[in-house]
């Protein structure tokens, strides 16, 4: 997996990897290839921070009262 790709949460073991020991999808597989890749549901993992928008500055009221 390239360093620019965020780590994907994998909740289930790969059937092909579990039964045959190989998976043609390799690092691109959506399923875990061992306990080290398996994520428990509800457990915190490192995620890339979500991009936030810049806070908007309120415009000054230029109307005369």
Protein backbone atom coordinates (compact mmCIF):
# COMPACT_ATOMS: atom_id res chain seq x y z
CA UNK A 1 0.00 0.00 0.00
CA UNK A 2 1.47 3.37 -0.88
CA UNK A 3 2.27 5.83 1.87
CA UNK A 4 -0.29 8.31 0.51
CA UNK A 5 -3.15 5.85 0.99
CA UNK A 6 -4.88 5.92 4.38
CA UNK A 7 -4.94 2.65 6.31
CA UNK A 8 -8.18 0.78 5.61
CA UNK A 9 -10.13 -0.77 8.50
CA UNK A 10 -10.34 -4.51 7.96
CA UNK A 11 -12.95 -6.25 10.12
CA UNK A 12 -12.94 -9.73 8.54
CA UNK A 13 -10.29 -12.23 7.50
CA UNK A 14 -9.77 -12.81 3.77
CA UNK A 15 -11.35 -16.13 2.78
CA UNK A 16 -8.79 -16.80 0.04
CA UNK A 17 -5.83 -16.02 2.28
CA UNK A 18 -7.27 -18.10 5.14
CA UNK A 19 -8.08 -21.15 2.98
CA UNK A 20 -5.29 -21.06 0.37
CA UNK A 21 -2.58 -18.92 1.99
CA UNK A 22 -2.57 -16.53 -0.96
CA UNK A 23 -4.77 -13.74 -2.26
CA UNK A 24 -4.46 -12.30 -5.76
CA UNK A 25 -5.40 -8.83 -4.48
CA UNK A 26 -2.47 -8.58 -2.07
CA UNK A 27 -2.27 -5.16 -0.36
CA UNK A 28 -5.33 -3.97 -2.28
CA UNK A 29 -7.55 -6.63 -0.70
CA UNK A 30 -10.42 -5.29 1.38
CA UNK A 31 -10.01 -8.10 3.92
CA UNK A 32 -7.33 -8.85 6.53
CA UNK A 33 -4.41 -11.17 5.79
CA UNK A 34 -3.62 -12.02 9.40
CA UNK A 35 -4.37 -10.84 12.92
CA UNK A 36 -1.97 -7.90 12.52
CA UNK A 37 -4.29 -6.37 9.87
CA UNK A 38 -7.55 -7.17 11.68
CA UNK A 39 -9.39 -4.27 13.32
CA UNK A 40 -11.85 -4.92 16.12
CA UNK A 41 -15.13 -3.06 15.68
CA UNK A 42 -15.27 0.03 17.88
CA UNK A 43 -11.54 0.08 18.54
CA UNK A 44 -9.66 3.29 17.85
CA UNK A 45 -7.06 3.18 15.07
CA UNK A 46 -4.83 5.80 13.59
CA UNK A 47 -6.69 7.66 10.92
CA UNK A 48 -5.58 10.42 8.67
CA UNK A 49 -7.05 13.72 9.86
CA UNK A 50 -10.05 14.85 7.89
CA UNK A 51 -9.61 18.02 5.92
CA UNK A 52 -11.40 20.87 7.63
CA UNK A 53 -12.57 24.05 6.06
CA UNK A 54 -11.02 27.36 6.97
CA UNK A 55 -13.22 29.22 9.46
CA UNK A 56 -15.10 32.01 7.82
CA UNK A 57 -14.66 35.52 9.13
CA UNK A 58 -17.97 37.34 9.53
CA UNK A 59 -18.27 40.38 7.29
CA UNK A 60 -18.55 43.70 9.00
CA UNK A 61 -21.94 45.33 8.87
CA UNK A 62 -21.40 48.50 6.86
CA UNK A 63 -25.00 49.69 6.93
CA UNK A 64 -25.66 52.85 8.88
CA UNK A 65 -28.41 52.69 11.48
